[in-house]
Amino acid sequence: MSRECLFPSLTPEEMSSFSQNPQELLLYTETLLLQTSLAISLLASQSVTPAQLTAFSTPSTTRGPSS
């Protein structure tokens, strides 16, 4: 599988934005990782609950402790 499938191409403006604001790059990367994790879970289980979807779509910085 080629990298282009996983990582959408970035415009020069986006690359410039990332170099000026590393936090943006971290957020972008985390979003890609969450989307990839969700896709893997969907493929593996073929049955994901709403709670799992919420967990994947919530940034880790705001996610509370697992109960």
N, C-alpha and C. Protein backbone atom coordinates (compact mmCIF):
# COMPACT_ATOMS: atom_id res chain seq x y z
N MET A 1 0.86 -1.20 0.00
CA MET A 1 0.00 0.00 0.00
C MET A 1 0.89 1.25 0.00
N SER A 2 0.57 2.18 -0.85
CA SER A 2 1.38 3.39 -0.94
C SER A 2 1.04 4.37 0.17
N ARG A 3 2.00 5.21 0.50
CA ARG A 3 1.79 6.20 1.56
C ARG A 3 0.71 7.19 1.19
N GLU A 4 0.51 7.43 -0.10
CA GLU A 4 -0.49 8.41 -0.52
C GLU A 4 -1.88 8.03 -0.03
N CYS A 5 -2.12 6.72 0.10
CA CYS A 5 -3.44 6.26 0.54
C CYS A 5 -3.70 6.68 1.99
N LEU A 6 -2.65 6.62 2.81
CA LEU A 6 -2.81 6.91 4.23
C LEU A 6 -2.70 8.39 4.55
N PHE A 7 -1.80 9.08 3.85
CA PHE A 7 -1.56 10.48 4.16
C PHE A 7 -1.94 11.37 3.00
N PRO A 8 -3.03 12.11 3.14
CA PRO A 8 -3.42 13.02 2.06
C PRO A 8 -2.31 14.04 1.80
N SER A 9 -2.18 14.46 0.57
CA SER A 9 -1.11 15.41 0.26
C SER A 9 -1.38 16.75 0.92
N LEU A 10 -0.32 17.37 1.39
CA LEU A 10 -0.43 18.66 2.07
C LEU A 10 -0.02 19.78 1.13
N THR A 11 -0.71 20.90 1.25
CA THR A 11 -0.35 22.06 0.44
C THR A 11 0.85 22.76 1.06
N PRO A 12 1.59 23.55 0.30
CA PRO A 12 2.71 24.32 0.87
C PRO A 12 2.26 25.20 2.03
N GLU A 13 1.04 25.73 1.93
CA GLU A 13 0.52 26.58 3.01
C GLU A 13 0.38 25.77 4.30
N GLU A 14 -0.13 24.54 4.17
CA GLU A 14 -0.28 23.69 5.35
C GLU A 14 1.07 23.34 5.95
N MET A 15 2.04 23.02 5.09
CA MET A 15 3.37 22.69 5.58
C MET A 15 3.98 23.88 6.31
N SER A 16 3.79 25.07 5.77
CA SER A 16 4.29 26.29 6.39
C SER A 16 3.63 26.51 7.74
N SER A 17 2.33 26.26 7.80
CA SER A 17 1.58 26.42 9.04
C SER A 17 2.12 25.46 10.11
N PHE A 18 2.42 24.22 9.70
CA PHE A 18 2.93 23.24 10.64
C PHE A 18 4.30 23.65 11.18
N SER A 19 5.15 24.20 10.32
CA SER A 19 6.49 24.58 10.77
C SER A 19 6.43 25.76 11.73
N GLN A 20 5.43 26.61 11.57
CA GLN A 20 5.28 27.76 12.47
C GLN A 20 4.55 27.39 13.75
N ASN A 21 3.72 26.35 13.68
CA ASN A 21 2.93 25.95 14.83
C ASN A 21 2.96 24.42 14.97
N PRO A 22 3.97 23.88 15.66
CA PRO A 22 4.10 22.42 15.80
C PRO A 22 2.86 21.77 16.39
N GLN A 23 2.11 22.50 17.22
CA GLN A 23 0.90 21.95 17.83
C GLN A 23 -0.10 21.53 16.76
N GLU A 24 -0.16 22.30 15.67
CA GLU A 24 -1.05 21.97 14.55
C GLU A 24 -0.67 20.62 13.95
N LEU A 25 0.63 20.39 13.81
CA LEU A 25 1.10 19.13 13.24
C LEU A 25 0.75 17.97 14.16
N LEU A 26 0.90 18.17 15.47
CA LEU A 26 0.56 17.12 16.42
C LEU A 26 -0.93 16.79 16.33
N LEU A 27 -1.76 17.82 16.25
CA LEU A 27 -3.20 17.61 16.16
C LEU A 27 -3.55 16.87 14.88
N TYR A 28 -2.94 17.28 13.78
CA TYR A 28 -3.18 16.64 12.48
C TYR A 28 -2.78 15.17 12.52
N THR A 29 -1.61 14.90 13.11
CA THR A 29 -1.12 13.52 13.20
C THR A 29 -2.02 12.68 14.09
N GLU A 30 -2.44 13.24 15.23
CA GLU A 30 -3.32 12.51 16.14
C GLU A 30 -4.64 12.17 15.45
N THR A 31 -5.17 13.12 14.67
CA THR A 31 -6.41 12.87 13.95
C THR A 31 -6.24 11.72 12.97
N LEU A 32 -5.13 11.71 12.24
CA LEU A 32 -4.88 10.61 11.29
C LEU A 32 -4.78 9.28 12.02
N LEU A 33 -4.10 9.27 13.17
CA LEU A 33 -3.94 8.04 13.93
C LEU A 33 -5.29 7.54 14.45
N LEU A 34 -6.12 8.47 14.94
CA LEU A 34 -7.44 8.08 15.43
C LEU A 34 -8.29 7.51 14.30
N GLN A 35 -8.26 8.15 13.13
CA GLN A 35 -9.03 7.67 11.99
C GLN A 35 -8.55 6.29 11.57
N THR A 36 -7.24 6.09 11.59
CA THR A 36 -6.67 4.80 11.21
C THR A 36 -7.07 3.73 12.22
N SER A 37 -7.01 4.06 13.51
CA SER A 37 -7.40 3.11 14.55
C SER A 37 -8.86 2.73 14.42
N LEU A 38 -9.70 3.72 14.14
CA LEU A 38 -11.12 3.46 13.98
C LEU A 38 -11.36 2.55 12.78
N ALA A 39 -10.69 2.82 11.69
CA ALA A 39 -10.85 1.99 10.49
C ALA A 39 -10.43 0.55 10.76
N ILE A 40 -9.33 0.38 11.48
CA ILE A 40 -8.86 -0.97 11.82
C ILE A 40 -9.88 -1.67 12.70
N SER A 41 -10.42 -0.97 13.69
CA SER A 41 -11.42 -1.57 14.57
C SER A 41 -12.67 -1.98 13.80
N LEU A 42 -13.11 -1.10 12.90
CA LEU A 42 -14.29 -1.41 12.10
C LEU A 42 -14.05 -2.65 11.25
N LEU A 43 -12.87 -2.73 10.64
CA LEU A 43 -12.55 -3.88 9.81
C LEU A 43 -12.43 -5.16 10.64
N ALA A 44 -11.85 -5.03 11.82
CA ALA A 44 -11.60 -6.21 12.65
C ALA A 44 -12.88 -6.75 13.27
N SER A 45 -13.74 -5.87 13.74
CA SER A 45 -14.91 -6.34 14.48
C SER A 45 -16.19 -6.34 13.66
N GLN A 46 -16.28 -5.44 12.68
CA GLN A 46 -17.49 -5.29 11.87
C GLN A 46 -18.69 -4.92 12.73
N SER A 47 -18.45 -4.57 13.99
CA SER A 47 -19.55 -4.13 14.86
C SER A 47 -18.99 -3.24 15.96
N VAL A 48 -19.00 -1.94 15.73
CA VAL A 48 -18.47 -0.99 16.69
C VAL A 48 -19.63 -0.27 17.37
N THR A 49 -19.58 -0.19 18.68
CA THR A 49 -20.67 0.45 19.43
C THR A 49 -20.53 1.96 19.39
N PRO A 50 -21.63 2.68 19.62
CA PRO A 50 -21.55 4.15 19.67
C PRO A 50 -20.52 4.64 20.69
N ALA A 51 -20.39 3.94 21.81
CA ALA A 51 -19.41 4.35 22.82
C ALA A 51 -17.99 4.28 22.27
N GLN A 52 -17.71 3.26 21.47
CA GLN A 52 -16.38 3.14 20.88
C GLN A 52 -16.14 4.25 19.86
N LEU A 53 -17.18 4.57 19.09
CA LEU A 53 -17.04 5.65 18.12
C LEU A 53 -16.74 6.97 18.83
N THR A 54 -17.43 7.20 19.95
CA THR A 54 -17.21 8.42 20.72
C THR A 54 -15.78 8.47 21.24
N ALA A 55 -15.29 7.34 21.73
CA ALA A 55 -13.93 7.28 22.26
C ALA A 55 -12.92 7.61 21.18
N PHE A 56 -13.15 7.10 19.95
CA PHE A 56 -12.21 7.37 18.87
C PHE A 56 -12.26 8.81 18.41
N SER A 57 -13.45 9.43 18.47
CA SER A 57 -13.57 10.79 17.94
C SER A 57 -13.23 11.85 18.98
N THR A 58 -12.97 11.44 20.22
CA THR A 58 -12.63 12.39 21.27
C THR A 58 -11.11 12.50 21.39
N PRO A 59 -10.57 13.72 21.29
CA PRO A 59 -9.12 13.88 21.44
C PRO A 59 -8.65 13.34 22.79
N SER A 60 -7.47 12.72 22.80
CA SER A 60 -6.97 12.10 24.03
C SER A 60 -6.77 13.11 25.15
N THR A 61 -6.57 14.37 24.80
CA THR A 61 -6.33 15.38 25.84
C THR A 61 -7.58 15.65 26.66
N THR A 62 -8.76 15.40 26.08
CA THR A 62 -9.99 15.68 26.81
C THR A 62 -10.67 14.40 27.28
N ARG A 63 -10.11 13.26 26.92
CA ARG A 63 -10.72 12.00 27.31
C ARG A 63 -10.48 11.74 28.79
N GLY A 64 -11.53 11.37 29.50
CA GLY A 64 -11.42 11.09 30.93
C GLY A 64 -10.84 9.70 31.14
N PRO A 65 -10.65 9.33 32.39
CA PRO A 65 -10.13 7.99 32.70
C PRO A 65 -11.12 6.91 32.26
N SER A 66 -10.60 5.79 31.80
CA SER A 66 -11.47 4.69 31.39
C SER A 66 -12.12 4.08 32.62
N SER A 67 -13.41 3.80 32.50
CA SER A 67 -14.10 3.22 33.66
C SER A 67 -14.40 1.76 33.42
